[in-house]
Amino acid sequence: MKIPTKEECLKILKENNAPDNIIAHSKQVCNVALKIANSLEKRGIKLNRNLIAAASLLHDVKKLSPNDHVAEGFELLKSLGFGEIAEVIKKHGLYHLSKNGFVPKTWEEKIVFYADKRVKGSKTVSVDERFEYIKQKYKKDDVESEIKFTKRIEKELLGDEEIR
C-alpha cells in the first residue's frame, strides 16, 4: 500500500490549487481523525493511522471543482497510485450515501467521513452545528437522513466519549 507522508499530502493539495482555507480545514479534519483513532486503539481496534492521516488531509483535494469533488478527488488519487486513499476519499461525502460503493464501511473510512462532519472551516464543532452550516452553504434543507447516518457512525466510533 502506497501512502504519501503529511508533507507529500500538503504538496499534492498545493499542486491542485487547494486554497489555504481548504488546507486548514483538512489539517483539522486530520487532527480530529487521529484523536478518534487514538480512542479506538485504546479499545483494541487495529487501524492504519497513515491511511487515516493521508485520506483526511486529501479528502477535499478537488473541493473547488465545479463538478463532483468526491469523484474527482477519487480519480486524481487513483491516478497518482494511491488507490487505498482514493477509496477512503470516495466515501467521505454526503451526496452519494444512497449508493452502495460510496458508504463508509471500514474503520478508516468511517473515521475520515465522521471527522469531516465535525470540522467547520478549521474549527471542531458538533455534528448539529456542522449540518446547520451544510444546510446554509449548500441550500439543502432535507439532511435528516444524513444527520441520522452521521450520528450512527458517531455512536459506533465514540460511544459516549466526546472529541473536541
C-alpha atoms as a PDB file:
ATOM      1  CA  MET A   1       0.000   0.000   0.000  1.00  0.00           C
ATOM      2  CA  LYS A   2       1.447   3.318  -1.112  1.00  0.00           C
ATOM      3  CA  ILE A   3       0.643   6.199   1.269  1.00  0.00           C
ATOM      4  CA  PRO A   4       2.073   9.713   0.979  1.00  0.00           C
ATOM      5  CA  THR A   5       3.604  11.433   4.007  1.00  0.00           C
ATOM      6  CA  LYS A   6       1.978  14.512   5.532  1.00  0.00           C
ATOM      7  CA  GLU A   7       4.434  16.707   3.595  1.00  0.00           C
ATOM      8  CA  GLU A   8       3.604  14.908   0.343  1.00  0.00           C
ATOM      9  CA  CYS A   9      -0.128  15.341   1.039  1.00  0.00           C
ATOM     10  CA  LEU A  10       0.328  19.075   1.535  1.00  0.00           C
ATOM     11  CA  LYS A  11       2.325  19.223  -1.710  1.00  0.00           C
ATOM     12  CA  ILE A  12      -0.490  17.409  -3.568  1.00  0.00           C
ATOM     13  CA  LEU A  13      -3.006  19.905  -2.155  1.00  0.00           C
ATOM     14  CA  LYS A  14      -0.896  22.877  -3.281  1.00  0.00           C
ATOM     15  CA  GLU A  15      -0.263  21.343  -6.737  1.00  0.00           C
ATOM     16  CA  ASN A  16      -4.041  21.038  -7.122  1.00  0.00           C
ATOM     17  CA  ASN A  17      -4.614  24.675  -6.151  1.00  0.00           C
ATOM     18  CA  ALA A  18      -6.302  23.960  -2.829  1.00  0.00           C
ATOM     19  CA  PRO A  19      -6.662  27.336  -1.100  1.00  0.00           C
ATOM     20  CA  ASP A  20      -5.373  27.947   2.424  1.00  0.00           C
ATOM     21  CA  ASN A  21      -8.836  27.637   3.993  1.00  0.00           C
ATOM     22  CA  ILE A  22      -9.317  24.140   2.487  1.00  0.00           C
ATOM     23  CA  ILE A  23      -5.844  23.133   3.674  1.00  0.00           C
ATOM     24  CA  ALA A  24      -6.605  24.456   7.188  1.00  0.00           C
ATOM     25  CA  HIS A  25      -9.903  22.515   7.172  1.00  0.00           C
ATOM     26  CA  SER A  26      -8.129  19.353   6.018  1.00  0.00           C
ATOM     27  CA  LYS A  27      -5.450  19.662   8.717  1.00  0.00           C
ATOM     28  CA  GLN A  28      -8.131  19.965  11.395  1.00  0.00           C
ATOM     29  CA  VAL A  29     -10.047  17.000   9.957  1.00  0.00           C
ATOM     30  CA  CYS A  30      -6.770  15.065  10.245  1.00  0.00           C
ATOM     31  CA  ASN A  31      -6.354  16.148  13.898  1.00  0.00           C
ATOM     32  CA  VAL A  32      -9.900  15.036  14.748  1.00  0.00           C
ATOM     33  CA  ALA A  33      -9.483  11.767  12.830  1.00  0.00           C
ATOM     34  CA  LEU A  34      -6.299  10.898  14.708  1.00  0.00           C
ATOM     35  CA  LYS A  35      -7.961  11.650  18.076  1.00  0.00           C
ATOM     36  CA  ILE A  36     -10.734   9.234  17.128  1.00  0.00           C
ATOM     37  CA  ALA A  37      -8.095   6.694  16.061  1.00  0.00           C
ATOM     38  CA  ASN A  38      -6.416   7.029  19.469  1.00  0.00           C
ATOM     39  CA  SER A  39      -9.721   6.337  21.182  1.00  0.00           C
ATOM     40  CA  LEU A  40     -10.427   3.265  19.051  1.00  0.00           C
ATOM     41  CA  GLU A  41      -6.903   1.910  19.502  1.00  0.00           C
ATOM     42  CA  LYS A  42      -7.352   2.127  23.272  1.00  0.00           C
ATOM     43  CA  ARG A  43     -10.324  -0.203  22.779  1.00  0.00           C
ATOM     44  CA  GLY A  44      -8.030  -2.663  20.982  1.00  0.00           C
ATOM     45  CA  ILE A  45      -9.090  -1.843  17.414  1.00  0.00           C
ATOM     46  CA  LYS A  46      -6.265  -2.069  14.881  1.00  0.00           C
ATOM     47  CA  LEU A  47      -6.148   0.819  12.416  1.00  0.00           C
ATOM     48  CA  ASN A  48      -3.963   2.107   9.626  1.00  0.00           C
ATOM     49  CA  ARG A  49      -3.096   5.531  11.076  1.00  0.00           C
ATOM     50  CA  ASN A  50      -1.088   6.557   7.999  1.00  0.00           C
ATOM     51  CA  LEU A  51      -4.070   5.842   5.754  1.00  0.00           C
ATOM     52  CA  ILE A  52      -6.340   7.842   8.074  1.00  0.00           C
ATOM     53  CA  ALA A  53      -3.932  10.800   8.158  1.00  0.00           C
ATOM     54  CA  ALA A  54      -3.356  10.900   4.393  1.00  0.00           C
ATOM     55  CA  ALA A  55      -7.030  10.423   3.471  1.00  0.00           C
ATOM     56  CA  SER A  56      -8.176  13.078   5.923  1.00  0.00           C
ATOM     57  CA  LEU A  57      -5.586  15.531   4.592  1.00  0.00           C
ATOM     58  CA  LEU A  58      -6.525  14.813   0.969  1.00  0.00           C
ATOM     59  CA  HIS A  59     -10.305  14.332   1.245  1.00  0.00           C
ATOM     60  CA  ASP A  60     -11.058  17.770  -0.264  1.00  0.00           C
ATOM     61  CA  VAL A  61      -8.184  17.899  -2.769  1.00  0.00           C
ATOM     62  CA  LYS A  62     -10.709  18.711  -5.530  1.00  0.00           C
ATOM     63  CA  LYS A  63     -13.138  20.723  -3.382  1.00  0.00           C
ATOM     64  CA  LEU A  64     -13.141  23.685  -5.769  1.00  0.00           C
ATOM     65  CA  SER A  65     -14.055  21.527  -8.748  1.00  0.00           C
ATOM     66  CA  PRO A  66     -17.245  22.735 -10.449  1.00  0.00           C
ATOM     67  CA  ASN A  67     -18.269  19.083 -10.667  1.00  0.00           C
ATOM     68  CA  ASP A  68     -18.342  16.315  -8.044  1.00  0.00           C
ATOM     69  CA  HIS A  69     -15.295  16.938  -5.814  1.00  0.00           C
ATOM     70  CA  VAL A  70     -15.573  13.471  -4.242  1.00  0.00           C
ATOM     71  CA  ALA A  71     -15.446  11.632  -7.584  1.00  0.00           C
ATOM     72  CA  GLU A  72     -12.726  13.909  -8.936  1.00  0.00           C
ATOM     73  CA  GLY A  73     -10.600  13.506  -5.797  1.00  0.00           C
ATOM     74  CA  PHE A  74     -11.057   9.744  -6.087  1.00  0.00           C
ATOM     75  CA  GLU A  75      -9.900   9.760  -9.730  1.00  0.00           C
ATOM     76  CA  LEU A  76      -6.921  12.033  -9.024  1.00  0.00           C
ATOM     77  CA  LEU A  77      -5.592   9.935  -6.153  1.00  0.00           C
ATOM     78  CA  LYS A  78      -6.129   6.710  -8.064  1.00  0.00           C
ATOM     79  CA  SER A  79      -4.157   8.188 -10.982  1.00  0.00           C
ATOM     80  CA  LEU A  80      -1.317   9.077  -8.575  1.00  0.00           C
ATOM     81  CA  GLY A  81      -1.125   5.455  -7.431  1.00  0.00           C
ATOM     82  CA  PHE A  82      -2.886   5.977  -4.100  1.00  0.00           C
ATOM     83  CA  GLY A  83      -5.768   3.540  -4.633  1.00  0.00           C
ATOM     84  CA  GLU A  84      -6.474   2.845  -0.959  1.00  0.00           C
ATOM     85  CA  ILE A  85      -6.604   6.560  -0.151  1.00  0.00           C
ATOM     86  CA  ALA A  86      -8.852   7.102  -3.174  1.00  0.00           C
ATOM     87  CA  GLU A  87     -11.284   4.502  -1.785  1.00  0.00           C
ATOM     88  CA  VAL A  88     -11.466   6.264   1.598  1.00  0.00           C
ATOM     89  CA  ILE A  89     -11.946   9.662  -0.046  1.00  0.00           C
ATOM     90  CA  LYS A  90     -14.700   8.251  -2.264  1.00  0.00           C
ATOM     91  CA  LYS A  91     -16.689   7.555   0.916  1.00  0.00           C
ATOM     92  CA  HIS A  92     -16.338  10.863   2.780  1.00  0.00           C
ATOM     93  CA  GLY A  93     -19.186  12.779   1.171  1.00  0.00           C
ATOM     94  CA  LEU A  94     -22.905  13.033   1.807  1.00  0.00           C
ATOM     95  CA  TYR A  95     -24.046  13.330  -1.793  1.00  0.00           C
ATOM     96  CA  HIS A  96     -23.690   9.652  -2.722  1.00  0.00           C
ATOM     97  CA  LEU A  97     -24.707   7.989   0.561  1.00  0.00           C
ATOM     98  CA  SER A  98     -27.596   6.204  -1.129  1.00  0.00           C
ATOM     99  CA  LYS A  99     -25.163   4.417  -3.486  1.00  0.00           C
ATOM    100  CA  ASN A 100     -23.535   1.295  -2.090  1.00  0.00           C
ATOM    101  CA  GLY A 101     -19.940   1.912  -3.262  1.00  0.00           C
ATOM    102  CA  PHE A 102     -19.910   5.291  -1.508  1.00  0.00           C
ATOM    103  CA  VAL A 103     -20.958   4.223   2.003  1.00  0.00           C
ATOM    104  CA  PRO A 104     -18.104   4.121   4.546  1.00  0.00           C
ATOM    105  CA  LYS A 105     -17.634   0.569   5.797  1.00  0.00           C
ATOM    106  CA  THR A 106     -14.084   0.190   7.184  1.00  0.00           C
ATOM    107  CA  TRP A 107     -12.943   1.863  10.391  1.00  0.00           C
ATOM    108  CA  GLU A 108     -10.662   4.158   8.393  1.00  0.00           C
ATOM    109  CA  GLU A 109     -13.482   5.189   6.037  1.00  0.00           C
ATOM    110  CA  LYS A 110     -15.862   5.850   8.920  1.00  0.00           C
ATOM    111  CA  ILE A 111     -13.250   7.887  10.799  1.00  0.00           C
ATOM    112  CA  VAL A 112     -12.498  10.173   7.828  1.00  0.00           C
ATOM    113  CA  PHE A 113     -16.204  10.529   6.983  1.00  0.00           C
ATOM    114  CA  TYR A 114     -17.098  11.422  10.572  1.00  0.00           C
ATOM    115  CA  ALA A 115     -14.095  13.691  11.245  1.00  0.00           C
ATOM    116  CA  ASP A 116     -15.089  15.762   8.199  1.00  0.00           C
ATOM    117  CA  LYS A 117     -18.599  16.147   9.640  1.00  0.00           C
ATOM    118  CA  ARG A 118     -17.100  17.561  12.846  1.00  0.00           C
ATOM    119  CA  VAL A 119     -14.998  20.336  11.287  1.00  0.00           C
ATOM    120  CA  LYS A 120     -16.486  23.616  10.089  1.00  0.00           C
ATOM    121  CA  GLY A 121     -13.785  25.676   8.459  1.00  0.00           C
ATOM    122  CA  SER A 122     -10.828  24.862  10.688  1.00  0.00           C
ATOM    123  CA  LYS A 123     -12.816  24.573  13.929  1.00  0.00           C
ATOM    124  CA  THR A 124     -14.132  21.412  15.581  1.00  0.00           C
ATOM    125  CA  VAL A 125     -17.887  21.687  16.110  1.00  0.00           C
ATOM    126  CA  SER A 126     -20.812  19.399  16.927  1.00  0.00           C
ATOM    127  CA  VAL A 127     -22.484  17.335  14.204  1.00  0.00           C
ATOM    128  CA  ASP A 128     -25.575  19.549  14.552  1.00  0.00           C
ATOM    129  CA  GLU A 129     -23.575  22.758  14.068  1.00  0.00           C
ATOM    130  CA  ARG A 130     -21.785  21.314  11.047  1.00  0.00           C
ATOM    131  CA  PHE A 131     -25.062  20.275   9.430  1.00  0.00           C
ATOM    132  CA  GLU A 132     -26.560  23.697  10.096  1.00  0.00           C
ATOM    133  CA  TYR A 133     -23.631  25.105   8.105  1.00  0.00           C
ATOM    134  CA  ILE A 134     -24.113  22.495   5.344  1.00  0.00           C
ATOM    135  CA  LYS A 135     -27.811  23.402   5.064  1.00  0.00           C
ATOM    136  CA  GLN A 136     -26.991  27.090   4.677  1.00  0.00           C
ATOM    137  CA  LYS A 137     -23.943  26.791   2.430  1.00  0.00           C
ATOM    138  CA  TYR A 138     -25.407  24.259   0.015  1.00  0.00           C
ATOM    139  CA  LYS A 139     -29.043  25.441   0.243  1.00  0.00           C
ATOM    140  CA  LYS A 140     -30.060  21.954   1.302  1.00  0.00           C
ATOM    141  CA  ASP A 141     -32.883  21.684   3.817  1.00  0.00           C
ATOM    142  CA  ASP A 142     -33.536  17.963   3.802  1.00  0.00           C
ATOM    143  CA  VAL A 143     -30.482  16.489   5.527  1.00  0.00           C
ATOM    144  CA  GLU A 144     -32.249  14.446   8.209  1.00  0.00           C
ATOM    145  CA  SER A 145     -31.187  11.066   6.816  1.00  0.00           C
ATOM    146  CA  GLU A 146     -27.572  12.284   6.517  1.00  0.00           C
ATOM    147  CA  ILE A 147     -27.626  13.558  10.121  1.00  0.00           C
ATOM    148  CA  LYS A 148     -29.043  10.234  11.320  1.00  0.00           C
ATOM    149  CA  PHE A 149     -26.387   8.317   9.390  1.00  0.00           C
ATOM    150  CA  THR A 150     -23.606  10.538  10.786  1.00  0.00           C
ATOM    151  CA  LYS A 151     -24.864  10.176  14.360  1.00  0.00           C
ATOM    152  CA  ARG A 152     -24.996   6.404  13.936  1.00  0.00           C
ATOM    153  CA  ILE A 153     -21.322   6.456  12.869  1.00  0.00           C
ATOM    154  CA  GLU A 154     -20.566   8.801  15.799  1.00  0.00           C
ATOM    155  CA  LYS A 155     -22.060   6.294  18.265  1.00  0.00           C
ATOM    156  CA  GLU A 156     -20.108   3.453  16.690  1.00  0.00           C
ATOM    157  CA  LEU A 157     -16.806   5.350  16.788  1.00  0.00           C
ATOM    158  CA  LEU A 158     -17.111   7.147  20.108  1.00  0.00           C
ATOM    159  CA  GLY A 159     -19.877   5.605  22.189  1.00  0.00           C
ATOM    160  CA  ASP A 160     -20.419   8.229  24.899  1.00  0.00           C
ATOM    161  CA  GLU A 161     -16.930   9.700  24.576  1.00  0.00           C
ATOM    162  CA  GLU A 162     -16.526  13.256  23.304  1.00  0.00           C
ATOM    163  CA  ILE A 163     -13.975  14.561  20.838  1.00  0.00           C
ATOM    164  CA  ARG A 164     -13.060  18.229  20.992  1.00  0.00           C
END
